[in-house]
Amino acid sequence: MNEEKKYWLDEKKNVKKVIYGLYIVCAVVALIDVFPYKHHLHFRFEYWFGFFSFYGFVACVSLVLAAKQLRKVVMRDEDYYD
């Protein structure tokens, strides 16, 4: 018997649920700008609709791309400690 343990994200329907959940959370966060609330902002562009959602997305993508480049610099050989 060589059965592998099944995890809940091994099923495609559960992965789709997670993705749809993320879509919903992102939409809700972006739509919060529709409702008036008191801003303590410093620059004019911070008042643009969805600015912080867009800024967060760009920052996250930038961090991932920078980490991929940094990996080339700090990566060691597989048998480095042997």
C-alpha atoms as a PDB file:
ATOM      1  CA  MET A   1       0.000   0.000   0.000  1.00  0.00           C
ATOM      2  CA  ASN A   2       1.596   3.160  -1.224  1.00  0.00           C
ATOM      3  CA  GLU A   3      -1.221   5.650  -0.739  1.00  0.00           C
ATOM      4  CA  GLU A   4      -0.340   9.308  -0.448  1.00  0.00           C
ATOM      5  CA  LYS A   5      -2.169  11.439   2.043  1.00  0.00           C
ATOM      6  CA  LYS A   6      -4.784  13.649   0.378  1.00  0.00           C
ATOM      7  CA  TYR A   7      -4.943  17.266   1.449  1.00  0.00           C
ATOM      8  CA  TRP A   8      -7.947  19.553   1.036  1.00  0.00           C
ATOM      9  CA  LEU A   9      -6.202  21.678  -1.620  1.00  0.00           C
ATOM     10  CA  ASP A  10      -5.544  18.607  -3.766  1.00  0.00           C
ATOM     11  CA  GLU A  11      -9.112  18.839  -5.056  1.00  0.00           C
ATOM     12  CA  LYS A  12      -9.736  21.400  -7.800  1.00  0.00           C
ATOM     13  CA  LYS A  13     -13.097  22.466  -6.373  1.00  0.00           C
ATOM     14  CA  ASN A  14     -11.420  23.551  -3.132  1.00  0.00           C
ATOM     15  CA  VAL A  15      -8.732  25.493  -5.012  1.00  0.00           C
ATOM     16  CA  LYS A  16     -11.464  27.301  -6.951  1.00  0.00           C
ATOM     17  CA  LYS A  17     -13.201  28.174  -3.682  1.00  0.00           C
ATOM     18  CA  VAL A  18      -9.995  29.733  -2.360  1.00  0.00           C
ATOM     19  CA  ILE A  19      -9.463  31.707  -5.568  1.00  0.00           C
ATOM     20  CA  TYR A  20     -13.056  32.977  -5.601  1.00  0.00           C
ATOM     21  CA  GLY A  21     -12.727  33.906  -1.943  1.00  0.00           C
ATOM     22  CA  LEU A  22      -9.611  35.937  -2.725  1.00  0.00           C
ATOM     23  CA  TYR A  23     -11.444  37.669  -5.589  1.00  0.00           C
ATOM     24  CA  ILE A  24     -14.258  38.599  -3.236  1.00  0.00           C
ATOM     25  CA  VAL A  25     -11.895  39.914  -0.556  1.00  0.00           C
ATOM     26  CA  CYS A  26      -9.994  41.995  -3.129  1.00  0.00           C
ATOM     27  CA  ALA A  27     -13.233  43.435  -4.526  1.00  0.00           C
ATOM     28  CA  VAL A  28     -14.512  44.324  -1.055  1.00  0.00           C
ATOM     29  CA  VAL A  29     -11.253  46.030  -0.134  1.00  0.00           C
ATOM     30  CA  ALA A  30     -11.274  48.000  -3.387  1.00  0.00           C
ATOM     31  CA  LEU A  31     -14.931  48.979  -2.960  1.00  0.00           C
ATOM     32  CA  ILE A  32     -14.363  50.363   0.525  1.00  0.00           C
ATOM     33  CA  ASP A  33     -13.205  53.547  -1.231  1.00  0.00           C
ATOM     34  CA  VAL A  34     -16.795  54.103  -2.411  1.00  0.00           C
ATOM     35  CA  PHE A  35     -17.979  54.786   1.121  1.00  0.00           C
ATOM     36  CA  PRO A  36     -16.968  58.055   2.731  1.00  0.00           C
ATOM     37  CA  TYR A  37     -14.572  57.884   5.615  1.00  0.00           C
ATOM     38  CA  LYS A  38     -12.142  60.352   7.078  1.00  0.00           C
ATOM     39  CA  HIS A  39      -8.843  60.387   5.248  1.00  0.00           C
ATOM     40  CA  HIS A  40      -5.555  61.482   6.763  1.00  0.00           C
ATOM     41  CA  LEU A  41      -3.644  61.596   3.517  1.00  0.00           C
ATOM     42  CA  HIS A  42      -0.764  63.779   2.435  1.00  0.00           C
ATOM     43  CA  PHE A  43      -0.720  63.694  -1.373  1.00  0.00           C
ATOM     44  CA  ARG A  44      -3.426  64.298  -3.963  1.00  0.00           C
ATOM     45  CA  PHE A  45      -2.947  60.945  -5.699  1.00  0.00           C
ATOM     46  CA  GLU A  46      -3.773  59.122  -2.464  1.00  0.00           C
ATOM     47  CA  TYR A  47      -7.396  60.223  -2.931  1.00  0.00           C
ATOM     48  CA  TRP A  48      -7.717  58.355  -6.258  1.00  0.00           C
ATOM     49  CA  PHE A  49     -10.245  55.530  -6.261  1.00  0.00           C
ATOM     50  CA  GLY A  50      -8.525  52.219  -5.526  1.00  0.00           C
ATOM     51  CA  PHE A  51      -5.094  53.776  -5.105  1.00  0.00           C
ATOM     52  CA  PHE A  52      -4.092  51.697  -2.100  1.00  0.00           C
ATOM     53  CA  SER A  53      -5.322  48.465  -3.706  1.00  0.00           C
ATOM     54  CA  PHE A  54      -3.268  49.189  -6.811  1.00  0.00           C
ATOM     55  CA  TYR A  55      -0.273  50.304  -4.758  1.00  0.00           C
ATOM     56  CA  GLY A  56      -0.394  47.122  -2.659  1.00  0.00           C
ATOM     57  CA  PHE A  57      -0.592  44.946  -5.769  1.00  0.00           C
ATOM     58  CA  VAL A  58       2.360  46.686  -7.414  1.00  0.00           C
ATOM     59  CA  ALA A  59       4.388  46.481  -4.183  1.00  0.00           C
ATOM     60  CA  CYS A  60       3.682  42.750  -3.827  1.00  0.00           C
ATOM     61  CA  VAL A  61       4.639  41.986  -7.439  1.00  0.00           C
ATOM     62  CA  SER A  62       7.777  44.106  -7.069  1.00  0.00           C
ATOM     63  CA  LEU A  63       8.812  42.206  -3.939  1.00  0.00           C
ATOM     64  CA  VAL A  64       8.375  38.856  -5.669  1.00  0.00           C
ATOM     65  CA  LEU A  65      10.401  39.963  -8.693  1.00  0.00           C
ATOM     66  CA  ALA A  66      13.132  41.427  -6.469  1.00  0.00           C
ATOM     67  CA  ALA A  67      13.264  38.206  -4.446  1.00  0.00           C
ATOM     68  CA  LYS A  68      13.723  36.170  -7.623  1.00  0.00           C
ATOM     69  CA  GLN A  69      16.703  38.308  -8.558  1.00  0.00           C
ATOM     70  CA  LEU A  70      18.115  38.240  -5.030  1.00  0.00           C
ATOM     71  CA  ARG A  71      17.914  34.457  -5.047  1.00  0.00           C
ATOM     72  CA  LYS A  72      20.501  34.399  -7.843  1.00  0.00           C
ATOM     73  CA  VAL A  73      22.898  36.361  -5.643  1.00  0.00           C
ATOM     74  CA  VAL A  74      22.532  34.507  -2.334  1.00  0.00           C
ATOM     75  CA  MET A  75      21.877  30.961  -3.574  1.00  0.00           C
ATOM     76  CA  ARG A  76      24.548  28.379  -2.766  1.00  0.00           C
ATOM     77  CA  ASP A  77      25.321  25.035  -4.360  1.00  0.00           C
ATOM     78  CA  GLU A  78      23.275  22.070  -3.212  1.00  0.00           C
ATOM     79  CA  ASP A  79      26.259  20.496  -1.446  1.00  0.00           C
ATOM     80  CA  TYR A  80      27.618  23.753  -0.010  1.00  0.00           C
ATOM     81  CA  TYR A  81      27.718  22.506   3.597  1.00  0.00           C
ATOM     82  CA  ASP A  82      29.182  19.059   2.797  1.00  0.00           C
END
